[in-house]
Every structure is written in structure tokens, then in C-alpha cells.
Amino acid sequence: MIKYIVETTSSYSDLNGNTYHFARITSTKTKNSLVVSEVGGSSNAVAMLFHLKVANDWSELYEVQTWHKRRDWQRMRKFAGGTYEGNVTAKMVRALNRKDNS
């Protein structure tokens, strides 16, 4: 059963070869989500859930990655909602499953 949808939004490389990423982690149970700034990419966003021991199997996660021009990526990040820019904890991710969390 899928517990979390991890949607990573990435920018194409800039002139210096840098790419930028942010991820939205959404609970399939409540549809609550957490936007995490500056994840290292799609695989890093998913690996974070395994590292935090929130997910035990690949079947619990659905991974989506989209690529956009840098300007579009900046606009999407700006309007993504409350973007969290610190260390994500397992408690934060598990809180997405509580119905009273909005």
C-alpha cells in the first residue's frame, strides 16, 4: 500500500551546471503535505524517508520527478506553500498522517 507520494521538482542545469530541487511529501491517508527545500534530487528525497525509518519498503512510496526551466522552477518553489528549509525529522513526516494536521 502506498503511504507517501514524493514529488521532486527539479530545474534544468544552469550555465555553471548546477541543478536545484525541492520535494513535496504527501500522505495518501490525509492528503497533508510537507514541502522540503533543497533536497539533493529525486533519489535523495526518497532515501530520506528510508533513513528516517518512515518507509520500510519501496511499495510504500510513489516517486515522481518533474524538470522545469530555472525561472519556472523558482516560481513553483515560491508558490509551493510553507517550504521547510531545515532538517526533516521522522516526527514531521509522521505528523502528515494525523487528520487534525492542516
C-alpha atoms as a PDB file:
ATOM      1  CA  MET A   1       0.000   0.000   0.000  1.00  0.00           C
ATOM      2  CA  ILE A   2       1.361   3.443  -0.914  1.00  0.00           C
ATOM      3  CA  LYS A   3       1.782   5.659   2.167  1.00  0.00           C
ATOM      4  CA  TYR A   4       3.587   8.677   0.723  1.00  0.00           C
ATOM      5  CA  ILE A   5       3.880  10.392  -2.627  1.00  0.00           C
ATOM      6  CA  VAL A   6       7.257  12.081  -3.089  1.00  0.00           C
ATOM      7  CA  GLU A   7       7.157  14.677  -5.865  1.00  0.00           C
ATOM      8  CA  THR A   8      10.536  16.214  -6.640  1.00  0.00           C
ATOM      9  CA  THR A   9      10.591  19.362  -8.755  1.00  0.00           C
ATOM     10  CA  SER A  10      13.963  19.989 -10.382  1.00  0.00           C
ATOM     11  CA  SER A  11      15.473  22.700 -12.545  1.00  0.00           C
ATOM     12  CA  TYR A  12      17.464  22.076 -15.683  1.00  0.00           C
ATOM     13  CA  SER A  13      21.181  22.822 -15.359  1.00  0.00           C
ATOM     14  CA  ASP A  14      22.167  26.490 -15.337  1.00  0.00           C
ATOM     15  CA  LEU A  15      25.254  27.879 -17.096  1.00  0.00           C
ATOM     16  CA  ASN A  16      27.503  26.550 -14.318  1.00  0.00           C
ATOM     17  CA  GLY A  17      25.962  23.071 -14.401  1.00  0.00           C
ATOM     18  CA  ASN A  18      24.007  23.473 -11.139  1.00  0.00           C
ATOM     19  CA  THR A  19      20.574  21.921 -10.710  1.00  0.00           C
ATOM     20  CA  TYR A  20      18.124  22.788  -7.951  1.00  0.00           C
ATOM     21  CA  HIS A  21      15.467  20.628  -6.330  1.00  0.00           C
ATOM     22  CA  PHE A  22      12.633  20.757  -3.824  1.00  0.00           C
ATOM     23  CA  ALA A  23      10.297  17.948  -2.817  1.00  0.00           C
ATOM     24  CA  ARG A  24       6.691  17.699  -1.695  1.00  0.00           C
ATOM     25  CA  ILE A  25       5.953  14.712   0.536  1.00  0.00           C
ATOM     26  CA  THR A  26       2.223  13.956   0.631  1.00  0.00           C
ATOM     27  CA  SER A  27       0.419  11.463   2.845  1.00  0.00           C
ATOM     28  CA  THR A  28      -2.029   9.334   0.870  1.00  0.00           C
ATOM     29  CA  LYS A  29      -4.091   8.889   4.025  1.00  0.00           C
ATOM     30  CA  THR A  30      -4.851  12.569   4.756  1.00  0.00           C
ATOM     31  CA  LYS A  31      -3.546  14.436   1.673  1.00  0.00           C
ATOM     32  CA  ASN A  32      -1.456  16.648   4.011  1.00  0.00           C
ATOM     33  CA  SER A  33       1.912  17.576   2.571  1.00  0.00           C
ATOM     34  CA  LEU A  34       5.304  18.906   3.559  1.00  0.00           C
ATOM     35  CA  VAL A  35       7.454  20.860   1.110  1.00  0.00           C
ATOM     36  CA  VAL A  36      11.168  20.374   1.702  1.00  0.00           C
ATOM     37  CA  SER A  37      13.615  22.845   0.215  1.00  0.00           C
ATOM     38  CA  GLU A  38      16.970  21.900  -1.251  1.00  0.00           C
ATOM     39  CA  VAL A  39      16.813  18.139  -1.411  1.00  0.00           C
ATOM     40  CA  GLY A  40      19.677  16.697  -3.414  1.00  0.00           C
ATOM     41  CA  GLY A  41      17.415  15.215  -6.070  1.00  0.00           C
ATOM     42  CA  SER A  42      14.712  12.647  -6.544  1.00  0.00           C
ATOM     43  CA  SER A  43      16.633   9.708  -5.106  1.00  0.00           C
ATOM     44  CA  ASN A  44      17.733  11.756  -2.089  1.00  0.00           C
ATOM     45  CA  ALA A  45      14.152  12.776  -1.273  1.00  0.00           C
ATOM     46  CA  VAL A  46      13.043   9.142  -1.286  1.00  0.00           C
ATOM     47  CA  ALA A  47      16.147   7.939   0.574  1.00  0.00           C
ATOM     48  CA  MET A  48      15.388  10.476   3.309  1.00  0.00           C
ATOM     49  CA  LEU A  49      12.173   8.585   4.148  1.00  0.00           C
ATOM     50  CA  PHE A  50      14.077   5.308   4.417  1.00  0.00           C
ATOM     51  CA  HIS A  51      16.793   6.959   6.520  1.00  0.00           C
ATOM     52  CA  LEU A  52      14.148   8.335   8.907  1.00  0.00           C
ATOM     53  CA  LYS A  53      12.611   4.839   9.077  1.00  0.00           C
ATOM     54  CA  VAL A  54       9.235   6.192   7.939  1.00  0.00           C
ATOM     55  CA  ALA A  55       9.120   3.828   4.966  1.00  0.00           C
ATOM     56  CA  ASN A  56      10.131   0.183   5.137  1.00  0.00           C
ATOM     57  CA  ASP A  57       9.604  -0.895   1.544  1.00  0.00           C
ATOM     58  CA  TRP A  58       9.580   0.663  -1.921  1.00  0.00           C
ATOM     59  CA  SER A  59       5.923  -0.331  -2.274  1.00  0.00           C
ATOM     60  CA  GLU A  60       5.051   2.288   0.375  1.00  0.00           C
ATOM     61  CA  LEU A  61       6.326   5.162  -1.776  1.00  0.00           C
ATOM     62  CA  TYR A  62       5.331   6.633  -5.109  1.00  0.00           C
ATOM     63  CA  GLU A  63       8.050   8.769  -6.657  1.00  0.00           C
ATOM     64  CA  VAL A  64       7.515  11.491  -9.272  1.00  0.00           C
ATOM     65  CA  GLN A  65      10.129  13.866 -10.670  1.00  0.00           C
ATOM     66  CA  THR A  66       9.469  16.810 -12.957  1.00  0.00           C
ATOM     67  CA  TRP A  67      12.000  19.055 -14.706  1.00  0.00           C
ATOM     68  CA  HIS A  68      11.477  22.756 -15.433  1.00  0.00           C
ATOM     69  CA  LYS A  69      13.360  25.767 -16.713  1.00  0.00           C
ATOM     70  CA  ARG A  70      15.107  27.646 -13.887  1.00  0.00           C
ATOM     71  CA  ARG A  71      12.682  30.580 -13.971  1.00  0.00           C
ATOM     72  CA  ASP A  72       9.655  28.266 -13.836  1.00  0.00           C
ATOM     73  CA  TRP A  73      11.283  26.256 -11.030  1.00  0.00           C
ATOM     74  CA  GLN A  74      11.798  29.456  -8.997  1.00  0.00           C
ATOM     75  CA  ARG A  75       8.146  30.417  -9.482  1.00  0.00           C
ATOM     76  CA  MET A  76       6.950  26.948  -8.480  1.00  0.00           C
ATOM     77  CA  ARG A  77       9.119  26.948  -5.360  1.00  0.00           C
ATOM     78  CA  LYS A  78       7.906  30.411  -4.385  1.00  0.00           C
ATOM     79  CA  PHE A  79       4.254  29.350  -4.574  1.00  0.00           C
ATOM     80  CA  ALA A  80       4.723  25.797  -3.229  1.00  0.00           C
ATOM     81  CA  GLY A  81       3.442  26.760   0.199  1.00  0.00           C
ATOM     82  CA  GLY A  82       5.277  26.719   3.500  1.00  0.00           C
ATOM     83  CA  THR A  83       8.634  25.423   2.349  1.00  0.00           C
ATOM     84  CA  TYR A  84      10.656  23.886   5.174  1.00  0.00           C
ATOM     85  CA  GLU A  85      14.377  24.664   4.974  1.00  0.00           C
ATOM     86  CA  GLY A  86      15.829  22.681   7.877  1.00  0.00           C
ATOM     87  CA  ASN A  87      16.461  19.076   8.806  1.00  0.00           C
ATOM     88  CA  VAL A  88      13.343  16.989   8.358  1.00  0.00           C
ATOM     89  CA  THR A  89      12.534  14.609  11.210  1.00  0.00           C
ATOM     90  CA  ALA A  90      10.522  11.404  11.282  1.00  0.00           C
ATOM     91  CA  LYS A  91       8.079  13.121  13.636  1.00  0.00           C
ATOM     92  CA  MET A  92       7.365  15.782  10.996  1.00  0.00           C
ATOM     93  CA  VAL A  93       6.681  13.200   8.292  1.00  0.00           C
ATOM     94  CA  ARG A  94       4.516  11.015  10.551  1.00  0.00           C
ATOM     95  CA  ALA A  95       2.503  14.108  11.537  1.00  0.00           C
ATOM     96  CA  LEU A  96       1.252  14.241   7.946  1.00  0.00           C
ATOM     97  CA  ASN A  97      -0.903  11.175   8.729  1.00  0.00           C
ATOM     98  CA  ARG A  98      -2.843  12.928  11.504  1.00  0.00           C
ATOM     99  CA  LYS A  99      -6.188  14.238  10.341  1.00  0.00           C
ATOM    100  CA  ASP A 100      -6.039  17.313  12.609  1.00  0.00           C
ATOM    101  CA  ASN A 101      -2.813  18.448  10.874  1.00  0.00           C
ATOM    102  CA  SER A 102      -3.538  21.044   8.212  1.00  0.00           C
END
